[in-house]
Amino acid sequence: MSLKQQIDADIKEAMKAKEADRLRALRALKSLILLEETKEGFSGELKPEDELRLLTKAVKQRKDSADIYRQQNREDLLKNEEAEIAVIEKYMPKQLSEDELNTLLREIITRVGASGPGDLGKVMGIATKELAGQADGKTISATVKQLLT
């Protein structure tokens, strides 16, 4: 079952259960998918990597908004964003723990032959592709910097 079909089914389920937060998040995801499908040059159905990119983008947008709401002491809006993040993350791959991330990044650093901070770009290029959806880009970057120093 594709992500679009899964979201359509979950929208119906959320409507029946009258779950407003979940419904809002699912509709936003469906909107992102429809926008992607109507983009110029799109052919056929979304690939898994495209779906993952859309989910990651949606979570990142909500986390950014949540940070702003937290700074402005807008607990009402912050609660909405956090609820949507929780719904969207259910469709994403399991996030790596700090130990798992360290282990995988050490393997990548060894494979690339990186020896210092100057090799950050080489490691990040491979790490962001291999760990897409499993860890946040900021977390990957911070961990790689720490390991290379």
N, C-alpha and C. Protein backbone atom coordinates (compact mmCIF):
# COMPACT_ATOMS: atom_id res chain seq x y z
N MET A 1 0.85 -1.18 0.00
CA MET A 1 0.00 0.00 0.00
C MET A 1 0.90 1.24 0.00
N SER A 2 0.65 2.14 -0.93
CA SER A 2 1.45 3.35 -1.01
C SER A 2 1.12 4.30 0.14
N LEU A 3 1.98 5.26 0.35
CA LEU A 3 1.76 6.24 1.41
C LEU A 3 0.45 6.99 1.18
N LYS A 4 0.18 7.35 -0.06
CA LYS A 4 -1.05 8.08 -0.37
C LYS A 4 -2.29 7.26 -0.01
N GLN A 5 -2.29 6.00 -0.36
CA GLN A 5 -3.42 5.14 -0.04
C GLN A 5 -3.56 4.96 1.47
N GLN A 6 -2.44 4.81 2.15
CA GLN A 6 -2.46 4.66 3.60
C GLN A 6 -3.02 5.91 4.27
N ILE A 7 -2.60 7.07 3.79
CA ILE A 7 -3.09 8.32 4.36
C ILE A 7 -4.58 8.50 4.09
N ASP A 8 -5.02 8.17 2.88
CA ASP A 8 -6.46 8.25 2.56
C ASP A 8 -7.28 7.38 3.53
N ALA A 9 -6.81 6.16 3.76
CA ALA A 9 -7.52 5.26 4.68
C ALA A 9 -7.50 5.80 6.10
N ASP A 10 -6.37 6.36 6.51
CA ASP A 10 -6.25 6.91 7.86
C ASP A 10 -7.07 8.18 8.04
N ILE A 11 -7.26 8.95 6.97
CA ILE A 11 -8.11 10.14 7.04
C ILE A 11 -9.54 9.71 7.34
N LYS A 12 -10.01 8.69 6.63
CA LYS A 12 -11.38 8.20 6.87
C LYS A 12 -11.54 7.72 8.31
N GLU A 13 -10.52 7.00 8.78
CA GLU A 13 -10.54 6.48 10.14
C GLU A 13 -10.55 7.63 11.17
N ALA A 14 -9.73 8.65 10.93
CA ALA A 14 -9.66 9.80 11.85
C ALA A 14 -10.98 10.59 11.84
N MET A 15 -11.61 10.66 10.68
CA MET A 15 -12.90 11.36 10.59
C MET A 15 -13.96 10.63 11.40
N LYS A 16 -13.98 9.31 11.27
CA LYS A 16 -14.96 8.52 12.02
C LYS A 16 -14.73 8.63 13.52
N ALA A 17 -13.45 8.67 13.93
CA ALA A 17 -13.11 8.73 15.35
C ALA A 17 -13.14 10.17 15.88
N LYS A 18 -13.36 11.13 15.00
CA LYS A 18 -13.39 12.55 15.37
C LYS A 18 -12.10 13.00 16.07
N GLU A 19 -10.97 12.61 15.47
CA GLU A 19 -9.65 12.99 15.98
C GLU A 19 -9.14 14.19 15.19
N ALA A 20 -9.37 15.38 15.72
CA ALA A 20 -9.08 16.62 14.99
C ALA A 20 -7.58 16.80 14.71
N ASP A 21 -6.73 16.58 15.71
CA ASP A 21 -5.28 16.78 15.51
C ASP A 21 -4.74 15.83 14.45
N ARG A 22 -5.12 14.58 14.56
CA ARG A 22 -4.66 13.57 13.61
C ARG A 22 -5.18 13.88 12.20
N LEU A 23 -6.43 14.28 12.12
CA LEU A 23 -7.03 14.60 10.83
C LEU A 23 -6.32 15.79 10.17
N ARG A 24 -6.00 16.81 10.96
CA ARG A 24 -5.31 18.00 10.43
C ARG A 24 -3.95 17.61 9.86
N ALA A 25 -3.20 16.78 10.60
CA ALA A 25 -1.88 16.35 10.14
C ALA A 25 -1.97 15.50 8.87
N LEU A 26 -2.95 14.59 8.84
CA LEU A 26 -3.11 13.72 7.67
C LEU A 26 -3.51 14.51 6.43
N ARG A 27 -4.37 15.48 6.62
CA ARG A 27 -4.77 16.32 5.47
C ARG A 27 -3.59 17.14 4.95
N ALA A 28 -2.75 17.60 5.85
CA ALA A 28 -1.56 18.35 5.43
C ALA A 28 -0.63 17.44 4.62
N LEU A 29 -0.47 16.18 5.07
CA LEU A 29 0.36 15.24 4.32
C LEU A 29 -0.23 14.95 2.95
N LYS A 30 -1.53 14.77 2.91
CA LYS A 30 -2.18 14.51 1.62
C LYS A 30 -1.97 15.69 0.68
N SER A 31 -2.06 16.89 1.22
CA SER A 31 -1.84 18.08 0.42
C SER A 31 -0.42 18.11 -0.15
N LEU A 32 0.57 17.78 0.67
CA LEU A 32 1.95 17.74 0.19
C LEU A 32 2.12 16.71 -0.93
N ILE A 33 1.49 15.57 -0.77
CA ILE A 33 1.58 14.52 -1.79
C ILE A 33 0.93 14.99 -3.09
N LEU A 34 -0.24 15.59 -2.99
CA LEU A 34 -0.93 16.07 -4.19
C LEU A 34 -0.12 17.16 -4.89
N LEU A 35 0.48 18.05 -4.12
CA LEU A 35 1.33 19.09 -4.72
C LEU A 35 2.51 18.47 -5.45
N GLU A 36 3.10 17.46 -4.85
CA GLU A 36 4.24 16.79 -5.47
C GLU A 36 3.81 16.09 -6.76
N GLU A 37 2.63 15.47 -6.75
CA GLU A 37 2.16 14.75 -7.93
C GLU A 37 1.76 15.68 -9.07
N THR A 38 1.39 16.89 -8.75
CA THR A 38 0.99 17.83 -9.81
C THR A 38 2.14 18.72 -10.26
N LYS A 39 3.31 18.51 -9.68
CA LYS A 39 4.48 19.29 -10.06
C LYS A 39 4.88 18.95 -11.49
N GLU A 40 5.40 19.94 -12.18
CA GLU A 40 5.82 19.74 -13.57
C GLU A 40 6.93 18.71 -13.64
N GLY A 41 6.82 17.81 -14.57
CA GLY A 41 7.83 16.78 -14.76
C GLY A 41 7.60 15.53 -13.94
N PHE A 42 6.51 15.48 -13.19
CA PHE A 42 6.22 14.29 -12.38
C PHE A 42 5.68 13.19 -13.28
N SER A 43 6.16 11.98 -13.04
CA SER A 43 5.68 10.85 -13.84
C SER A 43 5.24 9.71 -12.94
N GLY A 44 3.96 9.40 -12.97
CA GLY A 44 3.47 8.24 -12.24
C GLY A 44 3.30 8.43 -10.75
N GLU A 45 3.77 7.44 -10.00
CA GLU A 45 3.56 7.40 -8.56
C GLU A 45 4.84 7.81 -7.82
N LEU A 46 4.67 8.29 -6.61
CA LEU A 46 5.82 8.69 -5.80
C LEU A 46 6.67 7.48 -5.44
N LYS A 47 7.98 7.66 -5.53
CA LYS A 47 8.90 6.60 -5.12
C LYS A 47 9.05 6.68 -3.60
N PRO A 48 9.46 5.59 -2.97
CA PRO A 48 9.64 5.60 -1.51
C PRO A 48 10.57 6.71 -1.02
N GLU A 49 11.63 7.01 -1.77
CA GLU A 49 12.54 8.08 -1.34
C GLU A 49 11.87 9.45 -1.43
N ASP A 50 10.95 9.62 -2.41
CA ASP A 50 10.20 10.88 -2.50
C ASP A 50 9.23 11.00 -1.33
N GLU A 51 8.59 9.89 -0.97
CA GLU A 51 7.67 9.90 0.16
C GLU A 51 8.42 10.25 1.44
N LEU A 52 9.59 9.65 1.62
CA LEU A 52 10.40 9.91 2.80
C LEU A 52 10.83 11.38 2.85
N ARG A 53 11.19 11.92 1.70
CA ARG A 53 11.59 13.33 1.63
C ARG A 53 10.44 14.24 2.03
N LEU A 54 9.22 13.92 1.57
CA LEU A 54 8.04 14.72 1.92
C LEU A 54 7.75 14.64 3.43
N LEU A 55 7.84 13.45 3.99
CA LEU A 55 7.60 13.27 5.42
C LEU A 55 8.63 14.03 6.25
N THR A 56 9.88 13.93 5.83
CA THR A 56 10.96 14.63 6.54
C THR A 56 10.74 16.14 6.49
N LYS A 57 10.36 16.62 5.32
CA LYS A 57 10.10 18.05 5.14
C LYS A 57 8.94 18.50 6.04
N ALA A 58 7.89 17.71 6.10
CA ALA A 58 6.73 18.06 6.92
C ALA A 58 7.10 18.11 8.41
N VAL A 59 7.89 17.15 8.86
CA VAL A 59 8.30 17.14 10.27
C VAL A 59 9.20 18.32 10.56
N LYS A 60 10.14 18.61 9.65
CA LYS A 60 11.06 19.73 9.86
C LYS A 60 10.30 21.05 9.94
N GLN A 61 9.32 21.25 9.07
CA GLN A 61 8.53 22.48 9.10
C GLN A 61 7.83 22.63 10.44
N ARG A 62 7.26 21.55 10.93
CA ARG A 62 6.54 21.61 12.20
C ARG A 62 7.47 21.81 13.39
N LYS A 63 8.65 21.22 13.33
CA LYS A 63 9.62 21.43 14.42
C LYS A 63 10.09 22.88 14.44
N ASP A 64 10.31 23.46 13.26
CA ASP A 64 10.70 24.87 13.19
C ASP A 64 9.60 25.76 13.76
N SER A 65 8.37 25.47 13.38
CA SER A 65 7.23 26.24 13.90
C SER A 65 7.11 26.07 15.40
N ALA A 66 7.30 24.85 15.89
CA ALA A 66 7.21 24.58 17.32
C ALA A 66 8.26 25.37 18.09
N ASP A 67 9.47 25.47 17.53
CA ASP A 67 10.52 26.26 18.19
C ASP A 67 10.12 27.73 18.30
N ILE A 68 9.54 28.25 17.24
CA ILE A 68 9.09 29.65 17.24
C ILE A 68 7.99 29.85 18.28
N TYR A 69 7.02 28.94 18.30
CA TYR A 69 5.92 29.05 19.26
C TYR A 69 6.43 28.93 20.69
N ARG A 70 7.43 28.09 20.90
CA ARG A 70 8.01 27.93 22.23
C ARG A 70 8.66 29.23 22.68
N GLN A 71 9.38 29.88 21.77
CA GLN A 71 10.04 31.15 22.09
C GLN A 71 9.02 32.25 22.39
N GLN A 72 7.88 32.19 21.74
CA GLN A 72 6.86 33.22 21.92
C GLN A 72 5.83 32.86 23.00
N ASN A 73 6.07 31.74 23.70
CA ASN A 73 5.17 31.28 24.76
C ASN A 73 3.74 31.08 24.26
N ARG A 74 3.60 30.50 23.08
CA ARG A 74 2.28 30.19 22.52
C ARG A 74 2.02 28.70 22.68
N GLU A 75 1.66 28.31 23.90
CA GLU A 75 1.46 26.91 24.22
C GLU A 75 0.34 26.26 23.40
N ASP A 76 -0.69 27.03 23.08
CA ASP A 76 -1.80 26.49 22.30
C ASP A 76 -1.35 26.04 20.91
N LEU A 77 -0.57 26.88 20.25
CA LEU A 77 -0.08 26.54 18.91
C LEU A 77 1.03 25.48 18.98
N LEU A 78 1.83 25.55 20.02
CA LEU A 78 2.90 24.57 20.21
C LEU A 78 2.32 23.17 20.35
N LYS A 79 1.25 23.05 21.11
CA LYS A 79 0.59 21.76 21.32
C LYS A 79 0.10 21.17 20.00
N ASN A 80 -0.46 22.03 19.13
CA ASN A 80 -0.94 21.57 17.81
C ASN A 80 0.22 21.03 16.97
N GLU A 81 1.32 21.77 16.94
CA GLU A 81 2.47 21.35 16.13
C GLU A 81 3.04 20.02 16.64
N GLU A 82 3.16 19.89 17.96
CA GLU A 82 3.70 18.66 18.52
C GLU A 82 2.79 17.47 18.24
N ALA A 83 1.49 17.69 18.26
CA ALA A 83 0.55 16.62 17.94
C ALA A 83 0.70 16.18 16.48
N GLU A 84 0.87 17.15 15.59
CA GLU A 84 1.04 16.82 14.17
C GLU A 84 2.36 16.09 13.94
N ILE A 85 3.41 16.50 14.64
CA ILE A 85 4.71 15.83 14.50
C ILE A 85 4.57 14.36 14.89
N ALA A 86 3.87 14.10 15.98
CA ALA A 86 3.68 12.73 16.45
C ALA A 86 2.95 11.88 15.41
N VAL A 87 1.95 12.45 14.76
CA VAL A 87 1.20 11.72 13.73
C VAL A 87 2.08 11.43 12.52
N ILE A 88 2.80 12.43 12.06
CA ILE A 88 3.62 12.28 10.85
C ILE A 88 4.77 11.29 11.08
N GLU A 89 5.36 11.32 12.27
CA GLU A 89 6.49 10.44 12.54
C GLU A 89 6.11 8.96 12.52
N LYS A 90 4.82 8.66 12.66
CA LYS A 90 4.38 7.26 12.60
C LYS A 90 4.58 6.67 11.20
N TYR A 91 4.66 7.52 10.20
CA TYR A 91 4.83 7.07 8.81
C TYR A 91 6.30 7.01 8.40
N MET A 92 7.17 7.47 9.27
CA MET A 92 8.60 7.52 8.96
C MET A 92 9.30 6.28 9.52
N PRO A 93 10.48 5.97 8.98
CA PRO A 93 11.25 4.85 9.54
C PRO A 93 11.63 5.15 10.99
N LYS A 94 11.95 4.10 11.74
CA LYS A 94 12.36 4.25 13.14
C LYS A 94 13.60 5.13 13.20
N GLN A 95 13.59 6.08 14.13
CA GLN A 95 14.73 6.98 14.31
C GLN A 95 15.85 6.25 15.05
N LEU A 96 17.08 6.54 14.65
CA LEU A 96 18.24 5.89 15.26
C LEU A 96 18.51 6.47 16.65
N SER A 97 18.96 5.63 17.55
CA SER A 97 19.38 6.12 18.87
C SER A 97 20.74 6.79 18.70
N GLU A 98 21.18 7.48 19.73
CA GLU A 98 22.47 8.17 19.66
C GLU A 98 23.61 7.17 19.46
N ASP A 99 23.55 6.03 20.15
CA ASP A 99 24.59 5.01 20.02
C ASP A 99 24.61 4.40 18.62
N GLU A 100 23.42 4.10 18.09
CA GLU A 100 23.33 3.53 16.74
C GLU A 100 23.86 4.52 15.71
N LEU A 101 23.52 5.80 15.88
CA LEU A 101 23.98 6.84 14.96
C LEU A 101 25.50 6.94 15.01
N ASN A 102 26.07 6.96 16.22
CA ASN A 102 27.53 7.02 16.37
C ASN A 102 28.21 5.85 15.67
N THR A 103 27.68 4.66 15.86
CA THR A 103 28.26 3.47 15.26
C THR A 103 28.23 3.55 13.73
N LEU A 104 27.08 3.91 13.18
CA LEU A 104 26.97 4.01 11.71
C LEU A 104 27.86 5.11 11.14
N LEU A 105 27.94 6.23 11.84
CA LEU A 105 28.78 7.33 11.35
C LEU A 105 30.26 6.97 11.43
N ARG A 106 30.66 6.24 12.45
CA ARG A 106 32.06 5.79 12.54
C ARG A 106 32.40 4.87 11.35
N GLU A 107 31.45 3.99 10.99
CA GLU A 107 31.66 3.11 9.83
C GLU A 107 31.81 3.92 8.55
N ILE A 108 30.96 4.93 8.38
CA ILE A 108 31.03 5.78 7.19
C ILE A 108 32.35 6.54 7.16
N ILE A 109 32.77 7.07 8.30
CA ILE A 109 34.03 7.82 8.37
C ILE A 109 35.20 6.91 7.99
N THR A 110 35.19 5.68 8.47
CA THR A 110 36.25 4.72 8.15
C THR A 110 36.22 4.37 6.66
N ARG A 111 35.03 4.14 6.13
CA ARG A 111 34.88 3.78 4.71
C ARG A 111 35.38 4.89 3.80
N VAL A 112 35.07 6.14 4.15
CA VAL A 112 35.46 7.29 3.34
C VAL A 112 36.94 7.62 3.53
N GLY A 113 37.48 7.24 4.67
CA GLY A 113 38.87 7.55 4.97
C GLY A 113 39.04 8.96 5.50
N ALA A 114 38.01 9.48 6.15
CA ALA A 114 38.07 10.84 6.69
C ALA A 114 38.97 10.86 7.92
N SER A 115 39.74 11.95 8.04
CA SER A 115 40.68 12.02 9.15
C SER A 115 40.55 13.28 9.98
N GLY A 116 39.86 14.28 9.47
CA GLY A 116 39.75 15.52 10.23
C GLY A 116 38.56 16.34 9.78
N PRO A 117 38.40 17.51 10.39
CA PRO A 117 37.26 18.38 10.08
C PRO A 117 37.17 18.79 8.61
N GLY A 118 38.26 18.75 7.89
CA GLY A 118 38.26 19.09 6.47
C GLY A 118 37.50 18.09 5.62
N ASP A 119 37.28 16.90 6.15
CA ASP A 119 36.59 15.84 5.42
C ASP A 119 35.10 15.79 5.74
N LEU A 120 34.60 16.82 6.41
CA LEU A 120 33.19 16.86 6.82
C LEU A 120 32.25 16.70 5.63
N GLY A 121 32.53 17.37 4.54
CA GLY A 121 31.67 17.33 3.36
C GLY A 121 31.55 15.94 2.76
N LYS A 122 32.68 15.23 2.69
CA LYS A 122 32.66 13.87 2.14
C LYS A 122 31.78 12.96 2.99
N VAL A 123 31.95 13.06 4.30
CA VAL A 123 31.19 12.19 5.21
C VAL A 123 29.71 12.56 5.17
N MET A 124 29.41 13.85 5.20
CA MET A 124 28.01 14.30 5.23
C MET A 124 27.26 13.89 3.96
N GLY A 125 27.92 13.93 2.83
CA GLY A 125 27.28 13.55 1.57
C GLY A 125 26.77 12.12 1.61
N ILE A 126 27.60 11.23 2.09
CA ILE A 126 27.22 9.82 2.18
C ILE A 126 26.25 9.59 3.32
N ALA A 127 26.53 10.21 4.47
CA ALA A 127 25.71 9.98 5.67
C ALA A 127 24.27 10.44 5.46
N THR A 128 24.07 11.59 4.84
CA THR A 128 22.70 12.08 4.66
C THR A 128 21.92 11.18 3.72
N LYS A 129 22.58 10.59 2.73
CA LYS A 129 21.89 9.67 1.83
C LYS A 129 21.55 8.36 2.51
N GLU A 130 22.52 7.79 3.22
CA GLU A 130 22.33 6.48 3.83
C GLU A 130 21.41 6.52 5.05
N LEU A 131 21.40 7.64 5.75
CA LEU A 131 20.63 7.73 6.99
C LEU A 131 19.37 8.57 6.82
N ALA A 132 18.98 8.82 5.59
CA ALA A 132 17.81 9.66 5.31
C ALA A 132 16.58 9.11 6.03
N GLY A 133 15.93 9.98 6.77
CA GLY A 133 14.72 9.60 7.47
C GLY A 133 14.94 8.91 8.80
N GLN A 134 16.17 8.46 9.04
CA GLN A 134 16.46 7.75 10.28
C GLN A 134 17.08 8.67 11.33
N ALA A 135 17.55 9.83 10.88
CA ALA A 135 18.14 10.80 11.80
C ALA A 135 18.03 12.18 11.18
N ASP A 136 17.90 13.17 12.02
CA ASP A 136 17.79 14.57 11.59
C ASP A 136 19.14 15.05 11.06
N GLY A 137 19.11 15.86 10.02
CA GLY A 137 20.34 16.37 9.41
C GLY A 137 21.22 17.13 10.39
N LYS A 138 20.60 17.92 11.27
CA LYS A 138 21.36 18.68 12.27
C LYS A 138 22.08 17.74 13.23
N THR A 139 21.41 16.68 13.62
CA THR A 139 21.99 15.71 14.54
C THR A 139 23.15 14.98 13.87
N ILE A 140 22.97 14.61 12.61
CA ILE A 140 24.04 13.93 11.87
C ILE A 140 25.25 14.85 11.78
N SER A 141 25.02 16.10 11.40
CA SER A 141 26.11 17.06 11.25
C SER A 141 26.86 17.27 12.57
N ALA A 142 26.13 17.46 13.64
CA ALA A 142 26.77 17.68 14.94
C ALA A 142 27.60 16.47 15.37
N THR A 143 27.07 15.28 15.12
CA THR A 143 27.77 14.06 15.51
C THR A 143 29.01 13.85 14.66
N VAL A 144 28.91 14.12 13.37
CA VAL A 144 30.08 13.97 12.49
C VAL A 144 31.17 14.95 12.89
N LYS A 145 30.80 16.20 13.17
CA LYS A 145 31.78 17.19 13.62
C LYS A 145 32.49 16.73 14.88
N GLN A 146 31.72 16.19 15.81
CA GLN A 146 32.27 15.72 17.08
C GLN A 146 33.24 14.55 16.83
N LEU A 147 32.86 13.63 15.95
CA LEU A 147 33.71 12.47 15.68
C LEU A 147 34.98 12.82 14.91
N LEU A 148 34.92 13.86 14.09
CA LEU A 148 36.08 14.23 13.28
C LEU A 148 37.07 15.14 14.01
N THR A 149 36.71 15.62 15.18
CA THR A 149 37.65 16.49 15.92
C THR A 149 38.44 15.72 16.94
